[in-house]
PDB file of N, CA and C in Angstrom:
ATOM      1  N   MET A   1      -4.551   8.294 -15.808  1.00  0.00           N
ATOM      2  CA  MET A   1      -3.808   7.541 -14.630  1.00  0.00           C
ATOM      3  C   MET A   1      -3.743   8.484 -13.501  1.00  0.00           C
ATOM      4  N   SER A   2      -4.269   8.108 -12.421  1.00  0.00           N
ATOM      5  CA  SER A   2      -4.212   9.080 -11.314  1.00  0.00           C
ATOM      6  C   SER A   2      -3.196   8.410 -10.183  1.00  0.00           C
ATOM      7  N   GLU A   3      -2.842   9.368  -9.269  1.00  0.00           N
ATOM      8  CA  GLU A   3      -1.938   8.879  -8.149  1.00  0.00           C
ATOM      9  C   GLU A   3      -2.390   9.502  -6.882  1.00  0.00           C
ATOM     10  N   ILE A   4      -2.673   8.710  -5.874  1.00  0.00           N
ATOM     11  CA  ILE A   4      -3.079   9.191  -4.665  1.00  0.00           C
ATOM     12  C   ILE A   4      -2.114   8.740  -3.521  1.00  0.00           C
ATOM     13  N   THR A   5      -2.284   9.304  -2.316  1.00  0.00           N
ATOM     14  CA  THR A   5      -1.550   8.912  -1.111  1.00  0.00           C
ATOM     15  C   THR A   5      -2.530   8.531  -0.114  1.00  0.00           C
ATOM     16  N   LEU A   6      -2.178   7.293   0.508  1.00  0.00           N
ATOM     17  CA  LEU A   6      -3.051   6.876   1.658  1.00  0.00           C
ATOM     18  C   LEU A   6      -2.191   6.844   2.873  1.00  0.00           C
ATOM     19  N   ASP A   7      -2.550   7.786   3.834  1.00  0.00           N
ATOM     20  CA  ASP A   7      -1.767   7.948   4.958  1.00  0.00           C
ATOM     21  C   ASP A   7      -2.306   7.022   6.119  1.00  0.00           C
ATOM     22  N   LEU A   8      -1.671   5.912   6.458  1.00  0.00           N
ATOM     23  CA  LEU A   8      -2.129   4.905   7.451  1.00  0.00           C
ATOM     24  C   LEU A   8      -1.136   4.984   8.658  1.00  0.00           C
ATOM     25  N   LYS A   9      -0.448   6.092   8.803  1.00  0.00           N
ATOM     26  CA  LYS A   9       0.435   6.103  10.031  1.00  0.00           C
ATOM     27  C   LYS A   9      -0.361   6.079  11.353  1.00  0.00           C
ATOM     28  N   GLY A  10       0.083   5.316  12.268  1.00  0.00           N
ATOM     29  CA  GLY A  10      -0.445   5.144  13.567  1.00  0.00           C
ATOM     30  C   GLY A  10      -1.424   3.952  13.652  1.00  0.00           C
ATOM     31  N   LEU A  11      -1.837   3.307  12.436  1.00  0.00           N
ATOM     32  CA  LEU A  11      -2.651   2.239  12.480  1.00  0.00           C
ATOM     33  C   LEU A  11      -1.831   0.916  12.714  1.00  0.00           C
ATOM     34  N   LYS A  12      -2.378  -0.037  13.499  1.00  0.00           N
ATOM     35  CA  LYS A  12      -1.654  -1.429  13.729  1.00  0.00           C
ATOM     36  C   LYS A  12      -2.309  -2.431  12.822  1.00  0.00           C
ATOM     37  N   CYS A  13      -1.412  -3.498  12.663  1.00  0.00           N
ATOM     38  CA  CYS A  13      -2.056  -4.670  11.961  1.00  0.00           C
ATOM     39  C   CYS A  13      -3.277  -5.200  12.579  1.00  0.00           C
ATOM     40  N   PRO A  14      -4.184  -5.575  11.707  1.00  0.00           N
ATOM     41  CA  PRO A  14      -4.209  -5.627  10.230  1.00  0.00           C
ATOM     42  C   PRO A  14      -4.735  -4.569   9.469  1.00  0.00           C
ATOM     43  N   LEU A  15      -5.028  -3.419  10.178  1.00  0.00           N
ATOM     44  CA  LEU A  15      -5.749  -2.192   9.452  1.00  0.00           C
ATOM     45  C   LEU A  15      -4.991  -1.686   8.306  1.00  0.00           C
ATOM     46  N   PRO A  16      -3.630  -1.507   8.331  1.00  0.00           N
ATOM     47  CA  PRO A  16      -2.958  -0.967   7.056  1.00  0.00           C
ATOM     48  C   PRO A  16      -3.264  -1.789   5.760  1.00  0.00           C
ATOM     49  N   VAL A  17      -3.161  -3.083   5.883  1.00  0.00           N
ATOM     50  CA  VAL A  17      -3.397  -3.965   4.710  1.00  0.00           C
ATOM     51  C   VAL A  17      -4.842  -3.905   4.356  1.00  0.00           C
ATOM     52  N   LEU A  18      -5.692  -4.011   5.238  1.00  0.00           N
ATOM     53  CA  LEU A  18      -7.060  -3.912   5.003  1.00  0.00           C
ATOM     54  C   LEU A  18      -7.636  -2.656   4.247  1.00  0.00           C
ATOM     55  N   LYS A  19      -7.132  -1.506   4.832  1.00  0.00           N
ATOM     56  CA  LYS A  19      -7.487  -0.186   4.195  1.00  0.00           C
ATOM     57  C   LYS A  19      -6.854   0.037   2.899  1.00  0.00           C
ATOM     58  N   THR A  20      -5.595  -0.576   2.705  1.00  0.00           N
ATOM     59  CA  THR A  20      -5.026  -0.555   1.439  1.00  0.00           C
ATOM     60  C   THR A  20      -5.793  -1.345   0.382  1.00  0.00           C
ATOM     61  N   ARG A  21      -6.207  -2.593   0.620  1.00  0.00           N
ATOM     62  CA  ARG A  21      -6.961  -3.339  -0.241  1.00  0.00           C
ATOM     63  C   ARG A  21      -8.229  -2.643  -0.422  1.00  0.00           C
ATOM     64  N   LYS A  22      -8.906  -2.072   0.351  1.00  0.00           N
ATOM     65  CA  LYS A  22     -10.214  -1.224   0.025  1.00  0.00           C
ATOM     66  C   LYS A  22     -10.008  -0.200  -0.786  1.00  0.00           C
ATOM     67  N   ALA A  23      -8.920   0.729  -0.495  1.00  0.00           N
ATOM     68  CA  ALA A  23      -8.492   1.822  -1.302  1.00  0.00           C
ATOM     69  C   ALA A  23      -8.240   1.370  -2.834  1.00  0.00           C
ATOM     70  N   LEU A  24      -7.640   0.245  -2.952  1.00  0.00           N
ATOM     71  CA  LEU A  24      -7.315  -0.322  -4.285  1.00  0.00           C
ATOM     72  C   LEU A  24      -8.551  -0.494  -5.167  1.00  0.00           C
ATOM     73  N   THR A  25      -9.635  -1.070  -4.382  1.00  0.00           N
ATOM     74  CA  THR A  25     -10.908  -1.407  -5.171  1.00  0.00           C
ATOM     75  C   THR A  25     -11.454  -0.085  -5.799  1.00  0.00           C
ATOM     76  N   ARG A  26     -11.109   1.089  -5.411  1.00  0.00           N
ATOM     77  CA  ARG A  26     -11.663   2.327  -5.929  1.00  0.00           C
ATOM     78  C   ARG A  26     -10.887   2.923  -7.119  1.00  0.00           C
ATOM     79  N   LEU A  27      -9.717   2.272  -7.386  1.00  0.00           N
ATOM     80  CA  LEU A  27      -8.853   2.822  -8.413  1.00  0.00           C
ATOM     81  C   LEU A  27      -9.053   2.008  -9.713  1.00  0.00           C
ATOM     82  N   ALA A  28      -8.645   2.545 -10.696  1.00  0.00           N
ATOM     83  CA  ALA A  28      -8.618   2.033 -12.156  1.00  0.00           C
ATOM     84  C   ALA A  28      -7.325   1.185 -12.379  1.00  0.00           C
ATOM     85  N   THR A  29      -7.356   0.355 -13.227  1.00  0.00           N
ATOM     86  CA  THR A  29      -6.053  -0.420 -13.528  1.00  0.00           C
ATOM     87  C   THR A  29      -5.076   0.562 -13.958  1.00  0.00           C
ATOM     88  N   GLY A  30      -3.825   0.393 -13.445  1.00  0.00           N
ATOM     89  CA  GLY A  30      -2.699   1.302 -13.742  1.00  0.00           C
ATOM     90  C   GLY A  30      -2.565   2.473 -12.864  1.00  0.00           C
ATOM     91  N   ASP A  31      -3.528   2.847 -12.052  1.00  0.00           N
ATOM     92  CA  ASP A  31      -3.592   3.939 -11.165  1.00  0.00           C
ATOM     93  C   ASP A  31      -2.462   3.558  -9.981  1.00  0.00           C
ATOM     94  N   ARG A  32      -1.844   4.563  -9.573  1.00  0.00           N
ATOM     95  CA  ARG A  32      -0.761   4.375  -8.592  1.00  0.00           C
ATOM     96  C   ARG A  32      -1.252   4.966  -7.234  1.00  0.00           C
ATOM     97  N   MET A  33      -0.783   4.433  -6.122  1.00  0.00           N
ATOM     98  CA  MET A  33      -1.075   4.741  -4.838  1.00  0.00           C
ATOM     99  C   MET A  33       0.131   4.677  -3.948  1.00  0.00           C
ATOM    100  N   THR A  34       0.435   5.705  -3.216  1.00  0.00           N
ATOM    101  CA  THR A  34       1.502   5.690  -2.207  1.00  0.00           C
ATOM    102  C   THR A  34       0.817   5.411  -0.776  1.00  0.00           C
ATOM    103  N   VAL A  35       1.387   4.482  -0.198  1.00  0.00           N
ATOM    104  CA  VAL A  35       0.862   3.999   1.119  1.00  0.00           C
ATOM    105  C   VAL A  35       1.919   4.478   2.185  1.00  0.00           C
ATOM    106  N   LEU A  36       1.536   5.128   3.097  1.00  0.00           N
ATOM    107  CA  LEU A  36       2.552   5.543   4.297  1.00  0.00           C
ATOM    108  C   LEU A  36       2.107   4.939   5.521  1.00  0.00           C
ATOM    109  N   THR A  37       2.898   4.095   6.216  1.00  0.00           N
ATOM    110  CA  THR A  37       2.634   3.314   7.370  1.00  0.00           C
ATOM    111  C   THR A  37       3.692   3.575   8.492  1.00  0.00           C
ATOM    112  N   THR A  38       3.255   3.277   9.761  1.00  0.00           N
ATOM    113  CA  THR A  38       4.269   3.073  10.889  1.00  0.00           C
ATOM    114  C   THR A  38       4.239   1.682  11.322  1.00  0.00           C
ATOM    115  N   ASP A  39       3.403   0.865  11.079  1.00  0.00           N
ATOM    116  CA  ASP A  39       3.159  -0.518  11.561  1.00  0.00           C
ATOM    117  C   ASP A  39       4.363  -1.351  10.904  1.00  0.00           C
ATOM    118  N   PRO A  40       5.230  -1.986  11.738  1.00  0.00           N
ATOM    119  CA  PRO A  40       6.286  -2.738  11.259  1.00  0.00           C
ATOM    120  C   PRO A  40       5.865  -3.860  10.350  1.00  0.00           C
ATOM    121  N   MET A  41       4.702  -4.599  10.709  1.00  0.00           N
ATOM    122  CA  MET A  41       4.169  -5.628   9.920  1.00  0.00           C
ATOM    123  C   MET A  41       3.933  -5.212   8.486  1.00  0.00           C
ATOM    124  N   ALA A  42       3.676  -4.098   8.270  1.00  0.00           N
ATOM    125  CA  ALA A  42       3.334  -3.562   6.839  1.00  0.00           C
ATOM    126  C   ALA A  42       4.413  -3.962   5.801  1.00  0.00           C
ATOM    127  N   GLU A  43       5.689  -3.966   6.299  1.00  0.00           N
ATOM    128  CA  GLU A  43       6.780  -4.273   5.602  1.00  0.00           C
ATOM    129  C   GLU A  43       6.595  -5.740   4.892  1.00  0.00           C
ATOM    130  N   ILE A  44       5.873  -6.636   5.562  1.00  0.00           N
ATOM    131  CA  ILE A  44       5.454  -7.952   5.024  1.00  0.00           C
ATOM    132  C   ILE A  44       4.152  -7.936   4.421  1.00  0.00           C
ATOM    133  N   ASP A  45       3.183  -7.344   5.027  1.00  0.00           N
ATOM    134  CA  ASP A  45       1.790  -7.383   4.602  1.00  0.00           C
ATOM    135  C   ASP A  45       1.627  -6.711   3.262  1.00  0.00           C
ATOM    136  N   ILE A  46       2.119  -5.641   3.033  1.00  0.00           N
ATOM    137  CA  ILE A  46       1.824  -4.837   1.769  1.00  0.00           C
ATOM    138  C   ILE A  46       2.392  -5.473   0.578  1.00  0.00           C
ATOM    139  N   PRO A  47       3.609  -5.931   0.565  1.00  0.00           N
ATOM    140  CA  PRO A  47       4.113  -6.700  -0.553  1.00  0.00           C
ATOM    141  C   PRO A  47       3.319  -8.107  -0.763  1.00  0.00           C
ATOM    142  N   HIS A  48       2.925  -8.678   0.348  1.00  0.00           N
ATOM    143  CA  HIS A  48       2.094  -9.845   0.288  1.00  0.00           C
ATOM    144  C   HIS A  48       0.772  -9.679  -0.385  1.00  0.00           C
ATOM    145  N   LEU A  49       0.203  -8.560  -0.070  1.00  0.00           N
ATOM    146  CA  LEU A  49      -1.181  -8.176  -0.613  1.00  0.00           C
ATOM    147  C   LEU A  49      -1.001  -7.882  -2.104  1.00  0.00           C
ATOM    148  N   CYS A  50       0.161  -7.261  -2.562  1.00  0.00           N
ATOM    149  CA  CYS A  50       0.365  -6.863  -3.970  1.00  0.00           C
ATOM    150  C   CYS A  50       0.495  -8.373  -4.831  1.00  0.00           C
ATOM    151  N   SER A  51       1.329  -9.223  -4.296  1.00  0.00           N
ATOM    152  CA  SER A  51       1.510 -10.461  -4.889  1.00  0.00           C
ATOM    153  C   SER A  51       0.231 -11.364  -5.003  1.00  0.00           C
ATOM    154  N   GLN A  52      -0.534 -11.271  -3.901  1.00  0.00           N
ATOM    155  CA  GLN A  52      -1.670 -12.084  -3.781  1.00  0.00           C
ATOM    156  C   GLN A  52      -2.887 -11.549  -4.678  1.00  0.00           C
ATOM    157  N   ASP A  53      -3.024 -10.309  -4.813  1.00  0.00           N
ATOM    158  CA  ASP A  53      -4.088  -9.614  -5.439  1.00  0.00           C
ATOM    159  C   ASP A  53      -3.731  -9.149  -6.838  1.00  0.00           C
ATOM    160  N   GLY A  54      -2.559  -9.357  -7.333  1.00  0.00           N
ATOM    161  CA  GLY A  54      -2.131  -9.038  -8.658  1.00  0.00           C
ATOM    162  C   GLY A  54      -1.794  -7.566  -8.969  1.00  0.00           C
ATOM    163  N   HIS A  55      -1.409  -6.836  -7.981  1.00  0.00           N
ATOM    164  CA  HIS A  55      -0.926  -5.429  -8.099  1.00  0.00           C
ATOM    165  C   HIS A  55       0.613  -5.436  -8.112  1.00  0.00           C
ATOM    166  N   THR A  56       1.094  -4.388  -8.517  1.00  0.00           N
ATOM    167  CA  THR A  56       2.572  -4.246  -8.667  1.00  0.00           C
ATOM    168  C   THR A  56       3.126  -3.294  -7.537  1.00  0.00           C
ATOM    169  N   LEU A  57       4.116  -3.801  -6.882  1.00  0.00           N
ATOM    170  CA  LEU A  57       4.823  -3.021  -5.897  1.00  0.00           C
ATOM    171  C   LEU A  57       5.992  -2.433  -6.497  1.00  0.00           C
ATOM    172  N   LEU A  58       5.827  -1.090  -6.834  1.00  0.00           N
ATOM    173  CA  LEU A  58       6.858  -0.373  -7.628  1.00  0.00           C
ATOM    174  C   LEU A  58       8.054  -0.022  -6.679  1.00  0.00           C
ATOM    175  N   SER A  59       7.746   0.245  -5.371  1.00  0.00           N
ATOM    176  CA  SER A  59       8.926   0.663  -4.437  1.00  0.00           C
ATOM    177  C   SER A  59       8.514   0.484  -3.090  1.00  0.00           C
ATOM    178  N   ALA A  60       9.301   0.068  -2.236  1.00  0.00           N
ATOM    179  CA  ALA A  60       9.191   0.021  -0.754  1.00  0.00           C
ATOM    180  C   ALA A  60      10.427   0.690  -0.143  1.00  0.00           C
ATOM    181  N   GLU A  61      10.120   1.601   0.708  1.00  0.00           N
ATOM    182  CA  GLU A  61      11.385   2.222   1.401  1.00  0.00           C
ATOM    183  C   GLU A  61      10.949   2.517   2.773  1.00  0.00           C
ATOM    184  N   LYS A  62      12.043   2.492   3.555  1.00  0.00           N
ATOM    185  CA  LYS A  62      12.017   2.758   5.046  1.00  0.00           C
ATOM    186  C   LYS A  62      12.001   4.270   5.165  1.00  0.00           C
ATOM    187  N   THR A  63      11.254   4.790   5.963  1.00  0.00           N
ATOM    188  CA  THR A  63      11.300   6.291   6.322  1.00  0.00           C
ATOM    189  C   THR A  63      11.666   6.416   7.728  1.00  0.00           C
ATOM    190  N   ALA A  64      11.650   7.643   8.140  1.00  0.00           N
ATOM    191  CA  ALA A  64      12.144   7.921   9.557  1.00  0.00           C
ATOM    192  C   ALA A  64      11.231   7.419  10.509  1.00  0.00           C
ATOM    193  N   THR A  65       9.942   7.288  10.063  1.00  0.00           N
ATOM    194  CA  THR A  65       8.864   6.871  11.112  1.00  0.00           C
ATOM    195  C   THR A  65       8.277   5.464  10.684  1.00  0.00           C
ATOM    196  N   GLY A  66       8.504   5.031   9.605  1.00  0.00           N
ATOM    197  CA  GLY A  66       7.930   3.790   9.136  1.00  0.00           C
ATOM    198  C   GLY A  66       8.329   3.256   7.783  1.00  0.00           C
ATOM    199  N   HIS A  67       7.315   3.187   6.852  1.00  0.00           N
ATOM    200  CA  HIS A  67       7.577   2.705   5.507  1.00  0.00           C
ATOM    201  C   HIS A  67       6.682   3.573   4.549  1.00  0.00           C
ATOM    202  N   SER A  68       7.124   3.652   3.343  1.00  0.00           N
ATOM    203  CA  SER A  68       6.446   4.206   2.129  1.00  0.00           C
ATOM    204  C   SER A  68       6.486   3.157   1.062  1.00  0.00           C
ATOM    205  N   PHE A  69       5.227   2.817   0.566  1.00  0.00           N
ATOM    206  CA  PHE A  69       5.107   1.946  -0.495  1.00  0.00           C
ATOM    207  C   PHE A  69       4.435   2.560  -1.760  1.00  0.00           C
ATOM    208  N   LEU A  70       4.948   2.234  -2.989  1.00  0.00           N
ATOM    209  CA  LEU A  70       4.242   2.778  -4.262  1.00  0.00           C
ATOM    210  C   LEU A  70       3.865   1.667  -4.957  1.00  0.00           C
ATOM    211  N   LEU A  71       2.401   1.554  -5.071  1.00  0.00           N
ATOM    212  CA  LEU A  71       1.730   0.490  -5.711  1.00  0.00           C
ATOM    213  C   LEU A  71       1.122   0.948  -6.936  1.00  0.00           C
ATOM    214  N   SER A  72       0.984  -0.025  -7.916  1.00  0.00           N
ATOM    215  CA  SER A  72       0.207   0.186  -9.109  1.00  0.00           C
ATOM    216  C   SER A  72      -0.970  -0.861  -9.256  1.00  0.00           C
ATOM    217  N   LYS A  73      -2.099  -0.397  -9.298  1.00  0.00           N
ATOM    218  CA  LYS A  73      -3.200  -1.370  -9.490  1.00  0.00           C
ATOM    219  C   LYS A  73      -3.186  -2.285 -10.631  1.00  0.00           C
ATOM    220  N   GLY A  74      -3.372  -3.566 -10.359  1.00  0.00           N
ATOM    221  CA  GLY A  74      -3.503  -4.418 -11.501  1.00  0.00           C
ATOM    222  C   GLY A  74      -4.834  -4.798 -11.917  1.00  0.00           C
ATOM    223  N   ASP A  75      -5.083  -5.612 -12.774  1.00  0.00           N
ATOM    224  CA  ASP A  75      -6.320  -5.899 -13.303  1.00  0.00           C
ATOM    225  C   ASP A  75      -7.291  -6.381 -12.287  1.00  0.00           C
TER     226      ASP A  75
END
């Protein structure tokens, strides 16, 4: 199992969710990815992506500049 960080700070909707989806395609099932964003819509879009595509949202936290999400790739 690997763990990567995807820094998407500064990108506006819909780029954070699109780049997250693309990065997830390169991971193996069970791999974890931390996604860092500053786009306020990511608070809605990233959890929706996880539920729609079968990934697990392990945590979602507000940071000083935006959000940090920890995802686990599903099947």
